[in-house]
N, C-alpha and C. Protein backbone atom coordinates (compact mmCIF):
# COMPACT_ATOMS: atom_id res chain seq x y z
N MET A 1 -187.91 -25.29 196.27
CA MET A 1 -186.48 -24.87 196.45
C MET A 1 -186.20 -24.48 197.92
N ALA A 2 -187.13 -23.96 198.66
CA ALA A 2 -186.98 -23.58 199.99
C ALA A 2 -186.75 -24.72 200.79
N LYS A 3 -187.40 -25.80 200.49
CA LYS A 3 -187.21 -26.98 201.30
C LYS A 3 -185.71 -27.60 201.07
N ALA A 4 -185.31 -27.59 199.84
CA ALA A 4 -183.95 -28.07 199.68
C ALA A 4 -182.91 -27.22 200.43
N VAL A 5 -183.12 -25.80 200.49
CA VAL A 5 -182.22 -25.00 201.17
C VAL A 5 -182.21 -25.35 202.62
N LEU A 6 -183.45 -25.55 203.19
CA LEU A 6 -183.58 -25.97 204.70
C LEU A 6 -182.88 -27.32 204.94
N ASN A 7 -182.95 -28.11 204.02
CA ASN A 7 -182.30 -29.54 204.24
C ASN A 7 -180.79 -29.28 204.38
N HIS A 8 -180.16 -28.32 203.57
CA HIS A 8 -178.78 -28.04 203.70
C HIS A 8 -178.51 -27.51 205.17
N PHE A 9 -179.32 -26.74 205.73
CA PHE A 9 -179.11 -26.14 207.12
C PHE A 9 -179.35 -27.13 208.22
N SER A 10 -180.03 -28.28 207.95
CA SER A 10 -180.30 -29.17 209.00
C SER A 10 -179.13 -30.02 209.45
N ASP A 11 -178.12 -30.06 208.61
CA ASP A 11 -176.95 -30.94 208.88
C ASP A 11 -175.68 -30.11 209.41
N ILE A 12 -175.85 -28.92 209.74
CA ILE A 12 -174.67 -28.01 210.07
C ILE A 12 -174.40 -28.06 211.64
N GLN A 13 -173.24 -27.84 211.93
CA GLN A 13 -172.85 -27.90 213.35
C GLN A 13 -172.93 -26.44 213.77
N PRO A 14 -173.30 -26.14 215.13
CA PRO A 14 -173.29 -24.88 215.63
C PRO A 14 -172.01 -24.18 215.67
N VAL A 15 -171.97 -22.81 215.52
CA VAL A 15 -170.71 -22.09 215.57
C VAL A 15 -170.15 -22.01 217.01
N THR A 16 -168.87 -22.00 217.09
CA THR A 16 -168.18 -21.81 218.39
C THR A 16 -168.09 -20.35 218.74
N LYS A 17 -168.72 -19.86 219.86
CA LYS A 17 -168.73 -18.59 220.26
C LYS A 17 -167.41 -17.98 220.62
N ASP A 18 -166.51 -18.84 220.98
CA ASP A 18 -165.15 -18.37 221.44
C ASP A 18 -164.16 -18.15 220.29
N ASP A 19 -164.52 -18.39 219.16
CA ASP A 19 -163.71 -18.19 217.97
C ASP A 19 -163.67 -16.58 217.73
N SER A 20 -162.43 -16.18 217.51
CA SER A 20 -162.36 -14.65 217.36
C SER A 20 -163.10 -14.14 216.09
N ARG A 21 -163.15 -14.98 215.00
CA ARG A 21 -163.84 -14.54 213.85
C ARG A 21 -165.40 -14.37 214.19
N ILE A 22 -165.91 -15.30 215.00
CA ILE A 22 -167.39 -15.17 215.37
C ILE A 22 -167.43 -13.91 216.28
N LYS A 23 -166.56 -13.58 217.13
CA LYS A 23 -166.68 -12.36 217.94
C LYS A 23 -166.70 -11.16 217.00
N ARG A 24 -165.90 -11.02 216.07
CA ARG A 24 -165.83 -10.11 214.99
C ARG A 24 -167.12 -9.93 214.29
N LEU A 25 -167.75 -11.11 213.89
CA LEU A 25 -169.03 -11.15 213.21
C LEU A 25 -170.09 -10.61 214.01
N GLN A 26 -170.07 -11.11 215.37
CA GLN A 26 -171.10 -10.58 216.28
C GLN A 26 -170.93 -9.09 216.42
N SER A 27 -169.70 -8.51 216.51
CA SER A 27 -169.53 -7.10 216.56
C SER A 27 -170.15 -6.39 215.28
N VAL A 28 -169.99 -6.94 214.19
CA VAL A 28 -170.56 -6.27 212.95
C VAL A 28 -172.12 -6.34 213.03
N ILE A 29 -172.57 -7.50 213.35
CA ILE A 29 -174.01 -7.61 213.54
C ILE A 29 -174.52 -6.69 214.51
N ASN A 30 -173.97 -6.50 215.62
CA ASN A 30 -174.38 -5.56 216.72
C ASN A 30 -174.30 -4.20 216.13
N ARG A 31 -173.23 -3.86 215.58
CA ARG A 31 -172.98 -2.48 215.05
C ARG A 31 -174.19 -2.11 214.13
N HIS A 32 -174.62 -2.93 213.29
CA HIS A 32 -175.79 -2.73 212.47
C HIS A 32 -177.15 -2.89 213.06
N GLN A 33 -177.06 -3.05 214.38
CA GLN A 33 -178.30 -3.32 215.31
C GLN A 33 -179.21 -4.38 214.77
N LYS A 34 -178.52 -5.53 214.23
CA LYS A 34 -179.30 -6.68 213.84
C LYS A 34 -180.23 -6.45 212.77
N ARG A 35 -179.97 -5.48 211.90
CA ARG A 35 -180.93 -5.05 210.94
C ARG A 35 -180.70 -5.91 209.72
N PRO A 36 -181.87 -6.55 209.19
CA PRO A 36 -181.70 -7.33 207.94
C PRO A 36 -181.12 -6.65 206.72
N ASP A 37 -181.37 -5.30 206.68
CA ASP A 37 -180.92 -4.56 205.56
C ASP A 37 -179.38 -4.35 205.49
N ALA A 38 -178.71 -4.91 206.55
CA ALA A 38 -177.33 -4.84 206.53
C ALA A 38 -176.71 -6.16 206.20
N LEU A 39 -177.43 -7.02 205.63
CA LEU A 39 -177.06 -8.35 205.37
C LEU A 39 -175.73 -8.48 204.44
N ILE A 40 -175.65 -7.75 203.43
CA ILE A 40 -174.63 -7.85 202.53
C ILE A 40 -173.30 -7.38 203.19
N GLU A 41 -173.37 -6.33 203.94
CA GLU A 41 -172.21 -5.91 204.67
C GLU A 41 -171.66 -6.95 205.73
N ILE A 42 -172.63 -7.56 206.38
CA ILE A 42 -172.42 -8.69 207.33
C ILE A 42 -171.70 -9.91 206.55
N LEU A 43 -172.31 -10.12 205.42
CA LEU A 43 -171.68 -11.35 204.66
C LEU A 43 -170.31 -11.01 204.11
N HIS A 44 -170.04 -9.67 203.87
CA HIS A 44 -168.68 -9.38 203.44
C HIS A 44 -167.70 -9.54 204.53
N GLY A 45 -168.12 -9.23 205.73
CA GLY A 45 -167.29 -9.54 206.89
C GLY A 45 -167.02 -10.99 207.09
N VAL A 46 -168.06 -11.86 206.86
CA VAL A 46 -167.76 -13.33 206.87
C VAL A 46 -166.77 -13.73 205.87
N GLN A 47 -166.93 -13.31 204.65
CA GLN A 47 -166.22 -13.54 203.50
C GLN A 47 -164.84 -13.17 203.64
N ASP A 48 -164.53 -12.00 204.26
CA ASP A 48 -163.23 -11.58 204.58
C ASP A 48 -162.58 -12.26 205.64
N SER A 49 -163.24 -12.78 206.68
CA SER A 49 -162.61 -13.55 207.75
C SER A 49 -162.35 -15.07 207.46
N TYR A 50 -163.36 -15.63 206.67
CA TYR A 50 -163.16 -17.01 206.44
C TYR A 50 -162.82 -17.43 204.99
N GLY A 51 -162.88 -16.56 204.07
CA GLY A 51 -162.59 -16.77 202.64
C GLY A 51 -163.79 -17.32 201.87
N TYR A 52 -164.85 -17.67 202.63
CA TYR A 52 -166.14 -18.09 202.07
C TYR A 52 -167.20 -17.91 203.19
N VAL A 53 -168.45 -18.23 202.82
CA VAL A 53 -169.45 -18.12 203.72
C VAL A 53 -170.00 -19.61 204.10
N PRO A 54 -169.61 -20.13 205.14
CA PRO A 54 -170.09 -21.49 205.59
C PRO A 54 -171.50 -21.59 205.89
N LEU A 55 -172.14 -22.65 205.65
CA LEU A 55 -173.45 -22.86 205.91
C LEU A 55 -173.82 -22.63 207.43
N SER A 56 -172.87 -23.01 208.25
CA SER A 56 -173.04 -22.69 209.70
C SER A 56 -173.25 -21.24 210.01
N LEU A 57 -172.46 -20.40 209.33
CA LEU A 57 -172.51 -18.99 209.56
C LEU A 57 -173.81 -18.36 209.00
N MET A 58 -174.21 -19.00 207.87
CA MET A 58 -175.63 -18.50 207.22
C MET A 58 -176.63 -18.75 208.27
N ALA A 59 -176.67 -19.84 208.95
CA ALA A 59 -177.69 -20.17 209.83
C ALA A 59 -177.50 -19.24 211.14
N PHE A 60 -176.32 -19.07 211.51
CA PHE A 60 -176.06 -18.15 212.71
C PHE A 60 -176.61 -16.77 212.28
N ILE A 61 -176.27 -16.23 211.21
CA ILE A 61 -176.71 -14.89 210.82
C ILE A 61 -178.16 -14.84 210.73
N ALA A 62 -178.94 -15.87 210.12
CA ALA A 62 -180.29 -15.95 210.01
C ALA A 62 -180.84 -15.83 211.41
N GLN A 63 -180.40 -16.56 212.36
CA GLN A 63 -180.86 -16.57 213.76
C GLN A 63 -180.65 -15.15 214.41
N GLU A 64 -179.53 -14.55 214.29
CA GLU A 64 -179.24 -13.33 214.69
C GLU A 64 -180.11 -12.17 214.12
N LEU A 65 -180.45 -12.21 212.85
CA LEU A 65 -181.19 -11.14 212.16
C LEU A 65 -182.74 -11.48 212.17
N LYS A 66 -182.98 -12.75 212.70
CA LYS A 66 -184.37 -13.13 212.70
C LYS A 66 -185.02 -13.08 211.32
N VAL A 67 -184.24 -13.68 210.33
CA VAL A 67 -184.77 -13.87 209.01
C VAL A 67 -184.65 -15.38 208.55
N PRO A 68 -185.46 -15.78 207.63
CA PRO A 68 -185.30 -17.16 207.23
C PRO A 68 -183.85 -17.49 206.64
N ALA A 69 -183.41 -18.72 206.93
CA ALA A 69 -182.06 -19.11 206.49
C ALA A 69 -182.02 -19.17 204.96
N SER A 70 -183.15 -19.42 204.29
CA SER A 70 -183.22 -19.39 202.91
C SER A 70 -182.92 -18.01 202.27
N ARG A 71 -183.30 -16.94 202.98
CA ARG A 71 -182.86 -15.64 202.44
C ARG A 71 -181.44 -15.46 202.41
N ILE A 72 -180.67 -15.76 203.55
CA ILE A 72 -179.33 -15.63 203.62
C ILE A 72 -178.70 -16.46 202.40
N TYR A 73 -179.17 -17.73 202.32
CA TYR A 73 -178.61 -18.75 201.26
C TYR A 73 -178.83 -17.96 199.91
N GLY A 74 -179.94 -17.40 199.65
CA GLY A 74 -180.32 -16.80 198.43
C GLY A 74 -179.42 -15.66 198.00
N VAL A 75 -179.10 -14.86 198.94
CA VAL A 75 -178.18 -13.70 198.67
C VAL A 75 -176.75 -14.24 198.40
N VAL A 76 -176.33 -15.23 199.30
CA VAL A 76 -174.91 -15.77 199.04
C VAL A 76 -174.82 -16.34 197.70
N THR A 77 -175.83 -17.13 197.28
CA THR A 77 -175.63 -17.80 196.06
C THR A 77 -175.96 -16.89 194.77
N PHE A 78 -176.58 -15.77 195.02
CA PHE A 78 -176.95 -14.89 193.92
C PHE A 78 -175.73 -14.03 193.50
N TYR A 79 -174.98 -13.48 194.43
CA TYR A 79 -173.89 -12.61 194.17
C TYR A 79 -172.56 -13.44 193.94
N HIS A 80 -171.83 -13.18 192.93
CA HIS A 80 -170.62 -13.92 192.52
C HIS A 80 -169.50 -13.69 193.57
N PHE A 81 -169.46 -12.58 194.31
CA PHE A 81 -168.37 -12.27 195.24
C PHE A 81 -168.55 -13.10 196.48
N PHE A 82 -169.58 -13.83 196.68
CA PHE A 82 -169.82 -14.70 197.85
C PHE A 82 -169.57 -16.10 197.36
N SER A 83 -169.05 -16.97 198.19
CA SER A 83 -168.88 -18.30 197.90
C SER A 83 -169.23 -19.31 199.14
N THR A 84 -169.79 -20.39 198.78
CA THR A 84 -170.21 -21.30 199.86
C THR A 84 -169.03 -22.33 200.15
N LYS A 85 -167.95 -22.21 199.26
CA LYS A 85 -166.77 -23.18 199.51
C LYS A 85 -165.58 -22.35 199.56
N PRO A 86 -164.55 -22.79 200.18
CA PRO A 86 -163.21 -22.12 200.14
C PRO A 86 -162.82 -21.68 198.81
N ARG A 87 -162.24 -20.54 198.45
CA ARG A 87 -162.01 -20.19 197.14
C ARG A 87 -160.44 -20.33 196.80
N GLY A 88 -159.55 -20.53 197.63
CA GLY A 88 -158.23 -20.71 197.39
C GLY A 88 -157.45 -19.45 197.81
N GLU A 89 -156.19 -19.60 197.94
CA GLU A 89 -155.24 -18.52 198.37
C GLU A 89 -155.29 -17.35 197.36
N HIS A 90 -155.29 -17.67 196.17
CA HIS A 90 -155.52 -16.65 195.03
C HIS A 90 -156.75 -17.01 194.35
N THR A 91 -157.43 -15.94 193.96
CA THR A 91 -158.68 -16.21 193.19
C THR A 91 -158.55 -15.68 191.82
N CYS A 92 -159.23 -16.33 190.87
CA CYS A 92 -159.34 -15.85 189.42
C CYS A 92 -160.74 -15.93 189.09
N VAL A 93 -161.34 -14.83 188.59
CA VAL A 93 -162.77 -14.76 188.21
C VAL A 93 -162.68 -14.52 186.86
N ILE A 94 -163.48 -15.28 185.99
CA ILE A 94 -163.54 -15.16 184.54
C ILE A 94 -164.96 -14.62 184.22
N CYS A 95 -165.16 -13.58 183.48
CA CYS A 95 -166.50 -13.13 183.13
C CYS A 95 -166.87 -13.95 182.02
N THR A 96 -168.17 -14.32 182.12
CA THR A 96 -168.73 -15.16 181.02
C THR A 96 -170.00 -14.49 180.45
N GLY A 97 -170.14 -13.13 180.66
CA GLY A 97 -171.24 -12.38 180.14
C GLY A 97 -171.17 -12.57 178.54
N THR A 98 -172.20 -12.08 177.96
CA THR A 98 -172.30 -12.19 176.48
C THR A 98 -171.00 -11.73 175.75
N ALA A 99 -170.70 -10.42 176.00
CA ALA A 99 -169.55 -9.84 175.30
C ALA A 99 -168.09 -10.52 175.65
N CYS A 100 -168.06 -11.11 176.78
CA CYS A 100 -166.80 -11.81 177.12
C CYS A 100 -166.85 -13.20 176.50
N HIS A 101 -168.02 -13.79 176.49
CA HIS A 101 -168.18 -15.05 175.95
C HIS A 101 -167.84 -15.15 174.55
N VAL A 102 -168.34 -14.18 173.70
CA VAL A 102 -168.13 -14.22 172.28
C VAL A 102 -166.74 -13.90 171.99
N ARG A 103 -166.01 -13.26 172.87
CA ARG A 103 -164.56 -12.89 172.71
C ARG A 103 -163.63 -13.95 173.34
N GLY A 104 -164.17 -15.11 173.83
CA GLY A 104 -163.21 -16.17 174.10
C GLY A 104 -163.18 -16.56 175.62
N ALA A 105 -164.12 -16.19 176.39
CA ALA A 105 -164.11 -16.54 177.80
C ALA A 105 -164.05 -18.11 178.11
N GLN A 106 -164.83 -18.87 177.22
CA GLN A 106 -164.78 -20.28 177.35
C GLN A 106 -163.48 -20.90 177.09
N VAL A 107 -162.73 -20.29 176.03
CA VAL A 107 -161.36 -20.81 175.68
C VAL A 107 -160.53 -20.64 176.98
N ILE A 108 -160.62 -19.47 177.60
CA ILE A 108 -159.82 -19.13 178.85
C ILE A 108 -160.06 -20.26 179.88
N LEU A 109 -161.44 -20.45 180.13
CA LEU A 109 -161.80 -21.46 181.18
C LEU A 109 -161.20 -22.83 180.86
N ASP A 110 -161.36 -23.13 179.55
CA ASP A 110 -160.74 -24.48 179.14
C ASP A 110 -159.22 -24.54 179.40
N ALA A 111 -158.59 -23.54 179.09
CA ALA A 111 -157.11 -23.54 179.21
C ALA A 111 -156.74 -23.61 180.67
N ILE A 112 -157.49 -22.90 181.57
CA ILE A 112 -157.19 -23.11 183.10
C ILE A 112 -157.45 -24.50 183.39
N HIS A 113 -158.54 -25.03 182.93
CA HIS A 113 -158.87 -26.46 183.32
C HIS A 113 -157.74 -27.39 182.86
N ASP A 114 -157.19 -27.21 181.60
CA ASP A 114 -156.24 -28.03 181.09
C ASP A 114 -154.89 -27.98 181.99
N ASP A 115 -154.58 -26.66 182.43
CA ASP A 115 -153.41 -26.47 183.07
C ASP A 115 -153.42 -26.83 184.61
N TYR A 116 -154.56 -26.49 185.18
CA TYR A 116 -154.69 -26.51 186.61
C TYR A 116 -155.64 -27.65 187.13
N LYS A 117 -156.47 -28.24 186.21
CA LYS A 117 -157.35 -29.30 186.42
C LYS A 117 -158.47 -28.89 187.39
N ILE A 118 -158.94 -27.71 187.32
CA ILE A 118 -160.05 -27.16 188.01
C ILE A 118 -161.13 -26.51 187.14
N ARG A 119 -162.28 -26.57 187.58
CA ARG A 119 -163.47 -25.88 186.90
C ARG A 119 -163.95 -24.83 187.88
N PRO A 120 -164.77 -23.86 187.38
CA PRO A 120 -165.35 -22.78 188.14
C PRO A 120 -166.07 -23.34 189.47
N GLY A 121 -165.72 -22.65 190.49
CA GLY A 121 -166.21 -23.16 191.90
C GLY A 121 -165.29 -24.06 192.52
N GLU A 122 -164.11 -24.44 191.95
CA GLU A 122 -163.29 -25.41 192.62
C GLU A 122 -161.93 -24.68 192.76
N GLN A 123 -161.05 -25.32 193.60
CA GLN A 123 -159.67 -24.83 193.91
C GLN A 123 -158.63 -26.00 193.53
N THR A 124 -157.47 -25.62 193.36
CA THR A 124 -156.42 -26.55 193.24
C THR A 124 -156.25 -27.45 194.46
N PRO A 125 -155.86 -28.68 194.46
CA PRO A 125 -155.66 -29.50 195.64
C PRO A 125 -154.74 -28.81 196.74
N ASP A 126 -153.84 -28.04 196.25
CA ASP A 126 -152.91 -27.23 197.36
C ASP A 126 -153.60 -26.11 197.87
N GLY A 127 -154.77 -25.74 197.40
CA GLY A 127 -155.52 -24.53 197.81
C GLY A 127 -154.87 -23.23 197.29
N LYS A 128 -153.99 -23.22 196.41
CA LYS A 128 -153.27 -22.00 196.00
C LYS A 128 -154.22 -21.16 194.98
N LEU A 129 -154.97 -21.82 194.28
CA LEU A 129 -155.89 -21.13 193.11
C LEU A 129 -157.21 -21.53 193.21
N GLY A 130 -158.10 -20.58 193.41
CA GLY A 130 -159.57 -20.90 193.20
C GLY A 130 -160.10 -20.23 191.98
N LEU A 131 -160.82 -20.91 191.17
CA LEU A 131 -161.38 -20.43 189.88
C LEU A 131 -162.89 -20.12 190.08
N GLN A 132 -163.36 -18.97 189.72
CA GLN A 132 -164.75 -18.58 189.72
C GLN A 132 -165.16 -18.02 188.38
N MET A 133 -166.43 -18.10 188.09
CA MET A 133 -166.82 -17.32 186.92
C MET A 133 -167.92 -16.38 187.43
N ALA A 134 -168.15 -15.41 186.78
CA ALA A 134 -169.21 -14.32 186.87
C ALA A 134 -170.01 -14.12 185.77
N ARG A 135 -171.27 -13.85 185.92
CA ARG A 135 -172.16 -13.77 184.74
C ARG A 135 -171.97 -12.46 183.93
N CYS A 136 -171.45 -11.38 184.68
CA CYS A 136 -171.17 -10.16 184.04
C CYS A 136 -170.43 -9.33 185.00
N LEU A 137 -169.19 -8.81 184.66
CA LEU A 137 -168.55 -7.90 185.54
C LEU A 137 -168.72 -6.45 185.30
N GLY A 138 -169.41 -6.15 184.23
CA GLY A 138 -169.87 -4.80 183.85
C GLY A 138 -168.84 -4.06 183.16
N CYS A 139 -167.83 -4.68 182.54
CA CYS A 139 -166.79 -4.01 181.71
C CYS A 139 -166.73 -4.69 180.37
N CYS A 140 -167.94 -4.61 179.79
CA CYS A 140 -168.02 -5.41 178.45
C CYS A 140 -167.12 -4.91 177.37
N SER A 141 -166.79 -3.63 177.36
CA SER A 141 -165.94 -3.14 176.17
C SER A 141 -164.54 -3.67 176.42
N LEU A 142 -164.11 -4.20 177.54
CA LEU A 142 -162.84 -4.70 177.85
C LEU A 142 -162.76 -6.17 177.80
N GLY A 143 -163.77 -6.78 177.33
CA GLY A 143 -163.82 -8.29 177.30
C GLY A 143 -162.78 -8.88 176.31
N PRO A 144 -162.51 -10.16 176.53
CA PRO A 144 -162.77 -10.87 177.75
C PRO A 144 -162.01 -10.36 178.98
N VAL A 145 -162.73 -10.38 180.09
CA VAL A 145 -162.18 -9.85 181.41
C VAL A 145 -161.93 -10.97 182.33
N ALA A 146 -160.87 -10.81 183.01
CA ALA A 146 -160.57 -11.76 184.16
C ALA A 146 -160.20 -10.88 185.32
N VAL A 147 -160.46 -11.29 186.66
CA VAL A 147 -159.92 -10.56 187.80
C VAL A 147 -159.17 -11.51 188.55
N PHE A 148 -157.89 -11.11 188.79
CA PHE A 148 -157.05 -12.14 189.56
C PHE A 148 -156.68 -11.32 190.80
N ASP A 149 -157.01 -11.91 191.95
CA ASP A 149 -156.67 -11.19 193.23
C ASP A 149 -157.14 -9.85 193.21
N ASN A 150 -158.30 -9.56 192.78
CA ASN A 150 -158.96 -8.17 192.68
C ASN A 150 -158.25 -7.19 191.65
N ASP A 151 -157.42 -7.65 190.87
CA ASP A 151 -156.81 -6.86 189.78
C ASP A 151 -157.57 -7.23 188.44
N ILE A 152 -158.11 -6.24 187.79
CA ILE A 152 -158.82 -6.53 186.52
C ILE A 152 -157.81 -6.67 185.42
N ILE A 153 -157.98 -7.78 184.62
CA ILE A 153 -157.13 -7.90 183.54
C ILE A 153 -158.01 -7.87 182.26
N PRO A 154 -157.95 -6.71 181.55
CA PRO A 154 -158.77 -6.49 180.49
C PRO A 154 -158.32 -7.13 179.19
N LYS A 155 -159.15 -7.41 178.25
CA LYS A 155 -158.81 -7.85 176.91
C LYS A 155 -157.80 -8.95 176.88
N THR A 156 -158.01 -9.92 177.74
CA THR A 156 -157.04 -10.98 178.06
C THR A 156 -157.34 -12.12 177.00
N ASP A 157 -156.42 -13.10 177.04
CA ASP A 157 -156.64 -14.29 176.32
C ASP A 157 -155.96 -15.45 177.14
N ALA A 158 -156.17 -16.66 176.73
CA ALA A 158 -155.66 -17.74 177.54
C ALA A 158 -154.26 -17.73 177.82
N LYS A 159 -153.37 -17.47 176.84
CA LYS A 159 -151.86 -17.42 177.04
C LYS A 159 -151.49 -16.35 178.06
N ARG A 160 -152.03 -15.20 177.89
CA ARG A 160 -151.69 -14.03 178.66
C ARG A 160 -152.08 -14.35 180.11
N LEU A 161 -153.29 -14.85 180.36
CA LEU A 161 -153.80 -15.17 181.66
C LEU A 161 -152.95 -16.22 182.30
N LEU A 162 -152.76 -17.26 181.58
CA LEU A 162 -151.88 -18.31 182.20
C LEU A 162 -150.50 -17.93 182.59
N ALA A 163 -149.94 -17.08 181.77
CA ALA A 163 -148.62 -16.39 182.08
C ALA A 163 -148.64 -15.70 183.54
N ILE A 164 -149.85 -14.93 183.69
CA ILE A 164 -149.92 -14.28 184.98
C ILE A 164 -150.10 -15.28 186.07
N LEU A 165 -150.94 -16.22 185.91
CA LEU A 165 -151.20 -17.26 186.94
C LEU A 165 -149.87 -17.99 187.31
N HIS A 166 -149.09 -18.40 186.28
CA HIS A 166 -147.80 -19.07 186.55
C HIS A 166 -146.91 -18.23 187.27
N GLU A 167 -146.84 -16.89 187.01
CA GLU A 167 -145.94 -15.98 187.64
C GLU A 167 -146.31 -15.72 189.14
N LYS A 168 -147.55 -15.77 189.46
CA LYS A 168 -147.99 -15.35 190.78
C LYS A 168 -148.23 -16.52 191.63
N ILE A 169 -148.42 -17.80 191.08
CA ILE A 169 -148.76 -18.94 191.86
C ILE A 169 -147.59 -19.91 191.97
């Protein structure tokens, strides 16, 4: 697996140091004294600035923190709140944990696919909606749960969620 991750990093372009987002990232890295234990905070800064965590920035962070690039990649791909691809202007996360799954999470995902022609990890061609899924959001008694633009939508169903999406997008 580590070799496959490193192959991803061999094809990336170096970051442009005069980009204001890179300057902000460098400031965050320096504020944390280039400590590897600040990785998640640093990645949140990248996600906030770019909307996702590009491979080029994973390599940059790895170099700055003096840790293997595979470690950065592992953290980014482990946590659902990080993405390696642009997520869209609006984001919708569907919980697919056991409680949500048995209460209809897949039906909701299928309805979004039928309506917007996207699957988890994709965004609409116009970039307005990005769809994600999470293994568990930790609110099992409220399932099925969706999160739209950071607002939790408890005990939802496909019809209700699609109405919210149509209203906001």
